[in-house]
C-alpha cells in the first residue's frame, strides 16, 4: 500500500520519481467537485423543466403522472415543435410594444421617486426632466400612429391631474402601446425642455 501511494505521489520516470505539481493536485481535487456541481445544475434544470412541462401538459388536458429524465427532455422537444407549428414561438409586436411601454413608464416612475426622495433637488430641474420624458413618450406614440402598423387603440387625450406630493401638474400618458423598434434620440440639454408646459408623470 505504501509503495502504491509513493508511486502516485511521485511518478516514475527514467530519472527516478518526480514530485507531482500543484496544478496536477489541484485538478485531481477540483475535477470531482466540478462534476458534482455540473450534475447538480443539470438535475435542478430538469426539475424546473419538469414542473413547467407538467403544468403545460395538464393545461392541455393531458395527465402526466411520472416522468423520467429522458421523458422530460422528449416531451419538451415535442412541445416546442408543437408551438413552432402553431407559430406561437414567433415574435409578437403587440406584446413587445406593451412591455416596452410598461418598462418606459416604470423607469419614469423610478426617476420621479428618486427626484422626490433626494433633498435639495431643484424643482425646476425635476419638472423639466419629467416633462422631457413625457414628450418623448408622446413622440414615440405619434411615430407609431404614422407607421404601417396602426396602434391597438387611438391615443387618449392628456388628462391633467395634480400630484399632492410635489404640486406638479401631470398629464397622463397615452393609452396605446409603444413599438419596440422605434428609436427616438434623447436631448437632455436645458434648452430642449419646454418652459411653460406641464410635467408628465407615470401615474
C-alpha atoms as a PDB file:
ATOM      1  CA  UNK A   1       0.000   0.000   0.000  1.00  0.00           C
ATOM      2  CA  UNK A   2       2.761   2.434   0.895  1.00  0.00           C
ATOM      3  CA  UNK A   3       4.596   1.665  -2.340  1.00  0.00           C
ATOM      4  CA  UNK A   4       1.450   2.396  -4.378  1.00  0.00           C
ATOM      5  CA  UNK A   5       0.907   5.707  -2.611  1.00  0.00           C
ATOM      6  CA  UNK A   6       4.521   6.604  -3.213  1.00  0.00           C
ATOM      7  CA  UNK A   7       4.177   5.812  -6.903  1.00  0.00           C
ATOM      8  CA  UNK A   8       1.068   8.007  -7.242  1.00  0.00           C
ATOM      9  CA  UNK A   9       2.676  10.939  -5.488  1.00  0.00           C
ATOM     10  CA  UNK A  10       5.979  10.531  -7.302  1.00  0.00           C
ATOM     11  CA  UNK A  11       5.503   9.085 -10.806  1.00  0.00           C
ATOM     12  CA  UNK A  12       8.451   7.042 -12.012  1.00  0.00           C
ATOM     13  CA  UNK A  13      10.494   8.353 -14.918  1.00  0.00           C
ATOM     14  CA  UNK A  14      13.880   7.498 -16.391  1.00  0.00           C
ATOM     15  CA  UNK A  15      15.452   9.865 -13.904  1.00  0.00           C
ATOM     16  CA  UNK A  16      13.607   8.366 -10.929  1.00  0.00           C
ATOM     17  CA  UNK A  17      10.463   9.501  -9.060  1.00  0.00           C
ATOM     18  CA  UNK A  18       9.399  13.112  -9.653  1.00  0.00           C
ATOM     19  CA  UNK A  19       7.197  15.188  -7.296  1.00  0.00           C
ATOM     20  CA  UNK A  20       3.645  15.910  -8.522  1.00  0.00           C
ATOM     21  CA  UNK A  21       2.970  19.535  -9.403  1.00  0.00           C
ATOM     22  CA  UNK A  22       0.408  21.606  -7.528  1.00  0.00           C
ATOM     23  CA  UNK A  23      -1.564  22.012 -10.749  1.00  0.00           C
ATOM     24  CA  UNK A  24      -1.979  18.263 -11.009  1.00  0.00           C
ATOM     25  CA  UNK A  25      -3.042  18.005  -7.387  1.00  0.00           C
ATOM     26  CA  UNK A  26      -5.486  20.889  -7.826  1.00  0.00           C
ATOM     27  CA  UNK A  27      -7.074  19.296 -10.864  1.00  0.00           C
ATOM     28  CA  UNK A  28      -7.293  15.960  -9.078  1.00  0.00           C
ATOM     29  CA  UNK A  29      -9.245  17.586  -6.231  1.00  0.00           C
ATOM     30  CA  UNK A  30     -11.332  20.010  -8.266  1.00  0.00           C
ATOM     31  CA  UNK A  31     -12.437  17.717 -11.074  1.00  0.00           C
ATOM     32  CA  UNK A  32     -14.823  15.609  -8.910  1.00  0.00           C
ATOM     33  CA  UNK A  33     -16.147  18.774  -7.259  1.00  0.00           C
ATOM     34  CA  UNK A  34     -16.849  20.456 -10.600  1.00  0.00           C
ATOM     35  CA  UNK A  35     -18.504  17.283 -11.843  1.00  0.00           C
ATOM     36  CA  UNK A  36     -20.825  17.226  -8.819  1.00  0.00           C
ATOM     37  CA  UNK A  37     -21.749  20.876  -9.403  1.00  0.00           C
ATOM     38  CA  UNK A  38     -22.401  20.184 -13.080  1.00  0.00           C
ATOM     39  CA  UNK A  39     -24.702  17.275 -12.265  1.00  0.00           C
ATOM     40  CA  UNK A  40     -26.487  19.363  -9.657  1.00  0.00           C
ATOM     41  CA  UNK A  41     -27.138  22.091 -12.246  1.00  0.00           C
ATOM     42  CA  UNK A  42     -28.478  19.546 -14.718  1.00  0.00           C
ATOM     43  CA  UNK A  43     -30.772  17.987 -12.136  1.00  0.00           C
ATOM     44  CA  UNK A  44     -32.042  21.372 -10.966  1.00  0.00           C
ATOM     45  CA  UNK A  45     -32.836  22.464 -14.518  1.00  0.00           C
ATOM     46  CA  UNK A  46     -34.532  19.148 -15.223  1.00  0.00           C
ATOM     47  CA  UNK A  47     -36.690  19.564 -12.123  1.00  0.00           C
ATOM     48  CA  UNK A  48     -37.736  23.057 -13.199  1.00  0.00           C
ATOM     49  CA  UNK A  49     -38.362  21.850 -16.736  1.00  0.00           C
ATOM     50  CA  UNK A  50     -40.463  19.008 -15.379  1.00  0.00           C
ATOM     51  CA  UNK A  51     -42.669  21.418 -13.422  1.00  0.00           C
ATOM     52  CA  UNK A  52     -43.123  23.614 -16.482  1.00  0.00           C
ATOM     53  CA  UNK A  53     -43.960  20.686 -18.744  1.00  0.00           C
ATOM     54  CA  UNK A  54     -46.397  19.128 -16.283  1.00  0.00           C
ATOM     55  CA  UNK A  55     -48.243  22.447 -15.974  1.00  0.00           C
ATOM     56  CA  UNK A  56     -48.278  22.937 -19.731  1.00  0.00           C
ATOM     57  CA  UNK A  57     -49.500  19.424 -20.477  1.00  0.00           C
ATOM     58  CA  UNK A  58     -52.143  19.493 -17.755  1.00  0.00           C
ATOM     59  CA  UNK A  59     -53.486  22.771 -19.140  1.00  0.00           C
ATOM     60  CA  UNK A  60     -53.907  20.973 -22.481  1.00  0.00           C
ATOM     61  CA  UNK A  61     -55.836  18.140 -20.873  1.00  0.00           C
ATOM     62  CA  UNK A  62     -53.040  15.582 -20.686  1.00  0.00           C
ATOM     63  CA  UNK A  63     -52.416  13.663 -17.484  1.00  0.00           C
ATOM     64  CA  UNK A  64     -48.770  13.193 -16.560  1.00  0.00           C
ATOM     65  CA  UNK A  65     -48.105  11.002 -13.544  1.00  0.00           C
ATOM     66  CA  UNK A  66     -44.371  10.319 -13.517  1.00  0.00           C
ATOM     67  CA  UNK A  67     -41.608  11.482 -15.796  1.00  0.00           C
ATOM     68  CA  UNK A  68     -38.084  10.204 -16.112  1.00  0.00           C
ATOM     69  CA  UNK A  69     -35.280  12.489 -17.229  1.00  0.00           C
ATOM     70  CA  UNK A  70     -35.433  11.200 -20.786  1.00  0.00           C
ATOM     71  CA  UNK A  71     -39.227  11.676 -20.802  1.00  0.00           C
ATOM     72  CA  UNK A  72     -38.868  15.290 -19.682  1.00  0.00           C
ATOM     73  CA  UNK A  73     -36.459  16.112 -22.493  1.00  0.00           C
ATOM     74  CA  UNK A  74     -38.529  14.249 -25.096  1.00  0.00           C
ATOM     75  CA  UNK A  75     -41.775  15.938 -24.062  1.00  0.00           C
ATOM     76  CA  UNK A  76     -40.071  19.333 -24.068  1.00  0.00           C
ATOM     77  CA  UNK A  77     -38.827  18.846 -27.616  1.00  0.00           C
ATOM     78  CA  UNK A  78     -42.277  17.727 -28.753  1.00  0.00           C
ATOM     79  CA  UNK A  79     -43.942  20.676 -27.049  1.00  0.00           C
ATOM     80  CA  UNK A  80     -41.563  23.179 -28.667  1.00  0.00           C
ATOM     81  CA  UNK A  81     -42.153  21.617 -32.080  1.00  0.00           C
ATOM     82  CA  UNK A  82     -45.885  21.926 -31.481  1.00  0.00           C
ATOM     83  CA  UNK A  83     -45.587  25.586 -30.535  1.00  0.00           C
ATOM     84  CA  UNK A  84     -43.479  26.266 -33.607  1.00  0.00           C
ATOM     85  CA  UNK A  85     -46.061  24.620 -35.867  1.00  0.00           C
ATOM     86  CA  UNK A  86     -48.732  26.807 -34.278  1.00  0.00           C
ATOM     87  CA  UNK A  87     -46.496  29.869 -34.791  1.00  0.00           C
ATOM     88  CA  UNK A  88     -46.670  30.613 -31.085  1.00  0.00           C
ATOM     89  CA  UNK A  89     -42.896  30.951 -30.842  1.00  0.00           C
ATOM     90  CA  UNK A  90     -42.763  33.847 -33.310  1.00  0.00           C
ATOM     91  CA  UNK A  91     -42.344  37.427 -32.179  1.00  0.00           C
ATOM     92  CA  UNK A  92     -45.465  39.308 -31.167  1.00  0.00           C
ATOM     93  CA  UNK A  93     -45.033  43.043 -31.877  1.00  0.00           C
ATOM     94  CA  UNK A  94     -48.086  43.940 -29.821  1.00  0.00           C
ATOM     95  CA  UNK A  95     -46.777  42.153 -26.726  1.00  0.00           C
ATOM     96  CA  UNK A  96     -43.310  43.626 -27.209  1.00  0.00           C
ATOM     97  CA  UNK A  97     -44.807  47.103 -27.524  1.00  0.00           C
ATOM     98  CA  UNK A  98     -46.773  46.681 -24.316  1.00  0.00           C
ATOM     99  CA  UNK A  99     -43.666  45.524 -22.491  1.00  0.00           C
ATOM    100  CA  UNK A 100     -41.630  48.430 -23.828  1.00  0.00           C
ATOM    101  CA  UNK A 101     -44.225  50.974 -22.784  1.00  0.00           C
ATOM    102  CA  UNK A 102     -44.553  49.372 -19.348  1.00  0.00           C
ATOM    103  CA  UNK A 103     -40.780  49.464 -18.932  1.00  0.00           C
ATOM    104  CA  UNK A 104     -40.598  53.094 -20.034  1.00  0.00           C
ATOM    105  CA  UNK A 105     -43.342  54.063 -17.605  1.00  0.00           C
ATOM    106  CA  UNK A 106     -41.710  52.107 -14.778  1.00  0.00           C
ATOM    107  CA  UNK A 107     -38.380  53.807 -15.441  1.00  0.00           C
ATOM    108  CA  UNK A 108     -40.020  57.244 -15.422  1.00  0.00           C
ATOM    109  CA  UNK A 109     -41.763  56.304 -12.192  1.00  0.00           C
ATOM    110  CA  UNK A 110     -38.434  55.392 -10.581  1.00  0.00           C
ATOM    111  CA  UNK A 111     -36.886  58.651 -11.781  1.00  0.00           C
ATOM    112  CA  UNK A 112     -39.754  60.615 -10.266  1.00  0.00           C
ATOM    113  CA  UNK A 113     -39.442  58.777  -6.945  1.00  0.00           C
ATOM    114  CA  UNK A 114     -35.716  59.353  -6.901  1.00  0.00           C
ATOM    115  CA  UNK A 115     -36.138  63.076  -7.525  1.00  0.00           C
ATOM    116  CA  UNK A 116     -38.758  63.289  -4.782  1.00  0.00           C
ATOM    117  CA  UNK A 117     -36.615  61.408  -2.249  1.00  0.00           C
ATOM    118  CA  UNK A 118     -33.347  63.316  -2.718  1.00  0.00           C
ATOM    119  CA  UNK A 119     -33.239  66.516  -0.655  1.00  0.00           C
ATOM    120  CA  UNK A 120     -32.060  69.678  -2.302  1.00  0.00           C
ATOM    121  CA  UNK A 121     -33.028  68.739  -5.865  1.00  0.00           C
ATOM    122  CA  UNK A 122     -34.037  71.740  -7.943  1.00  0.00           C
ATOM    123  CA  UNK A 123     -37.801  71.553  -8.531  1.00  0.00           C
ATOM    124  CA  UNK A 124     -37.404  73.225 -11.912  1.00  0.00           C
ATOM    125  CA  UNK A 125     -34.899  70.555 -12.998  1.00  0.00           C
ATOM    126  CA  UNK A 126     -37.244  67.767 -11.917  1.00  0.00           C
ATOM    127  CA  UNK A 127     -40.131  69.397 -13.756  1.00  0.00           C
ATOM    128  CA  UNK A 128     -38.075  69.742 -16.922  1.00  0.00           C
ATOM    129  CA  UNK A 129     -36.862  66.147 -16.748  1.00  0.00           C
ATOM    130  CA  UNK A 130     -40.318  64.635 -16.242  1.00  0.00           C
ATOM    131  CA  UNK A 131     -41.774  66.852 -18.964  1.00  0.00           C
ATOM    132  CA  UNK A 132     -38.997  65.715 -21.268  1.00  0.00           C
ATOM    133  CA  UNK A 133     -39.803  62.038 -20.618  1.00  0.00           C
ATOM    134  CA  UNK A 134     -43.472  62.659 -21.244  1.00  0.00           C
ATOM    135  CA  UNK A 135     -42.832  64.411 -24.554  1.00  0.00           C
ATOM    136  CA  UNK A 136     -40.522  61.649 -25.721  1.00  0.00           C
ATOM    137  CA  UNK A 137     -43.207  59.087 -24.984  1.00  0.00           C
ATOM    138  CA  UNK A 138     -45.693  61.193 -26.966  1.00  0.00           C
ATOM    139  CA  UNK A 139     -43.213  61.438 -29.850  1.00  0.00           C
ATOM    140  CA  UNK A 140     -42.835  57.661 -29.921  1.00  0.00           C
ATOM    141  CA  UNK A 141     -46.606  57.300 -29.883  1.00  0.00           C
ATOM    142  CA  UNK A 142     -47.041  59.674 -32.800  1.00  0.00           C
ATOM    143  CA  UNK A 143     -44.387  57.770 -34.754  1.00  0.00           C
ATOM    144  CA  UNK A 144     -46.284  54.545 -34.077  1.00  0.00           C
ATOM    145  CA  UNK A 145     -49.532  56.102 -35.290  1.00  0.00           C
ATOM    146  CA  UNK A 146     -47.864  57.083 -38.567  1.00  0.00           C
ATOM    147  CA  UNK A 147     -46.218  53.711 -39.199  1.00  0.00           C
ATOM    148  CA  UNK A 148     -47.579  50.922 -41.382  1.00  0.00           C
ATOM    149  CA  UNK A 149     -48.818  49.025 -38.319  1.00  0.00           C
ATOM    150  CA  UNK A 150     -51.515  51.063 -36.564  1.00  0.00           C
ATOM    151  CA  UNK A 151     -51.616  51.110 -32.763  1.00  0.00           C
ATOM    152  CA  UNK A 152     -54.039  48.881 -30.920  1.00  0.00           C
ATOM    153  CA  UNK A 153     -56.079  51.873 -29.736  1.00  0.00           C
ATOM    154  CA  UNK A 154     -56.071  55.591 -30.540  1.00  0.00           C
ATOM    155  CA  UNK A 155     -54.118  57.902 -28.278  1.00  0.00           C
ATOM    156  CA  UNK A 156     -56.070  59.207 -25.374  1.00  0.00           C
ATOM    157  CA  UNK A 157     -56.091  62.939 -24.601  1.00  0.00           C
ATOM    158  CA  UNK A 158     -53.836  64.122 -21.826  1.00  0.00           C
ATOM    159  CA  UNK A 159     -55.778  64.429 -18.627  1.00  0.00           C
ATOM    160  CA  UNK A 160     -54.183  66.867 -16.222  1.00  0.00           C
ATOM    161  CA  UNK A 161     -54.001  65.876 -12.594  1.00  0.00           C
ATOM    162  CA  UNK A 162     -52.250  67.410  -9.629  1.00  0.00           C
ATOM    163  CA  UNK A 163     -49.708  65.432  -7.613  1.00  0.00           C
ATOM    164  CA  UNK A 164     -50.161  66.004  -3.913  1.00  0.00           C
ATOM    165  CA  UNK A 165     -46.528  65.149  -3.158  1.00  0.00           C
ATOM    166  CA  UNK A 166     -44.847  67.691  -5.446  1.00  0.00           C
ATOM    167  CA  UNK A 167     -47.573  70.014  -6.688  1.00  0.00           C
ATOM    168  CA  UNK A 168     -46.698  69.305 -10.333  1.00  0.00           C
ATOM    169  CA  UNK A 169     -49.430  69.378 -12.966  1.00  0.00           C
ATOM    170  CA  UNK A 170     -49.099  65.972 -14.620  1.00  0.00           C
ATOM    171  CA  UNK A 171     -50.796  64.911 -17.871  1.00  0.00           C
ATOM    172  CA  UNK A 172     -51.391  61.171 -18.092  1.00  0.00           C
ATOM    173  CA  UNK A 173     -49.502  59.224 -20.810  1.00  0.00           C
ATOM    174  CA  UNK A 174     -51.243  57.963 -23.980  1.00  0.00           C
ATOM    175  CA  UNK A 175     -53.101  54.665 -23.657  1.00  0.00           C
ATOM    176  CA  UNK A 176     -51.833  52.889 -26.783  1.00  0.00           C
ATOM    177  CA  UNK A 177     -48.647  50.784 -26.705  1.00  0.00           C
ATOM    178  CA  UNK A 178     -45.264  51.941 -27.928  1.00  0.00           C
ATOM    179  CA  UNK A 179     -43.483  49.837 -30.598  1.00  0.00           C
ATOM    180  CA  UNK A 180     -40.106  48.446 -29.668  1.00  0.00           C
ATOM    181  CA  UNK A 181     -38.439  49.220 -32.998  1.00  0.00           C
ATOM    182  CA  UNK A 182     -38.930  52.982 -32.767  1.00  0.00           C
ATOM    183  CA  UNK A 183     -35.782  54.781 -31.635  1.00  0.00           C
ATOM    184  CA  UNK A 184     -36.012  58.376 -30.506  1.00  0.00           C
ATOM    185  CA  UNK A 185     -32.798  60.300 -29.678  1.00  0.00           C
ATOM    186  CA  UNK A 186     -32.809  61.973 -26.300  1.00  0.00           C
ATOM    187  CA  UNK A 187     -31.641  65.564 -25.900  1.00  0.00           C
ATOM    188  CA  UNK A 188     -31.312  66.346 -22.209  1.00  0.00           C
ATOM    189  CA  UNK A 189     -29.897  69.803 -22.571  1.00  0.00           C
ATOM    190  CA  UNK A 190     -31.599  72.624 -20.711  1.00  0.00           C
ATOM    191  CA  UNK A 191     -32.656  74.380 -23.925  1.00  0.00           C
ATOM    192  CA  UNK A 192     -34.538  71.305 -25.131  1.00  0.00           C
ATOM    193  CA  UNK A 193     -37.055  71.403 -22.272  1.00  0.00           C
ATOM    194  CA  UNK A 194     -40.289  73.352 -22.581  1.00  0.00           C
ATOM    195  CA  UNK A 195     -40.524  76.298 -20.225  1.00  0.00           C
ATOM    196  CA  UNK A 196     -44.223  76.502 -19.581  1.00  0.00           C
ATOM    197  CA  UNK A 197     -45.700  73.064 -20.403  1.00  0.00           C
ATOM    198  CA  UNK A 198     -46.897  70.821 -17.547  1.00  0.00           C
ATOM    199  CA  UNK A 199     -44.770  67.879 -16.485  1.00  0.00           C
ATOM    200  CA  UNK A 200     -45.767  64.304 -17.242  1.00  0.00           C
ATOM    201  CA  UNK A 201     -45.538  61.678 -14.532  1.00  0.00           C
ATOM    202  CA  UNK A 202     -46.308  57.967 -14.935  1.00  0.00           C
ATOM    203  CA  UNK A 203     -49.330  57.861 -12.631  1.00  0.00           C
END
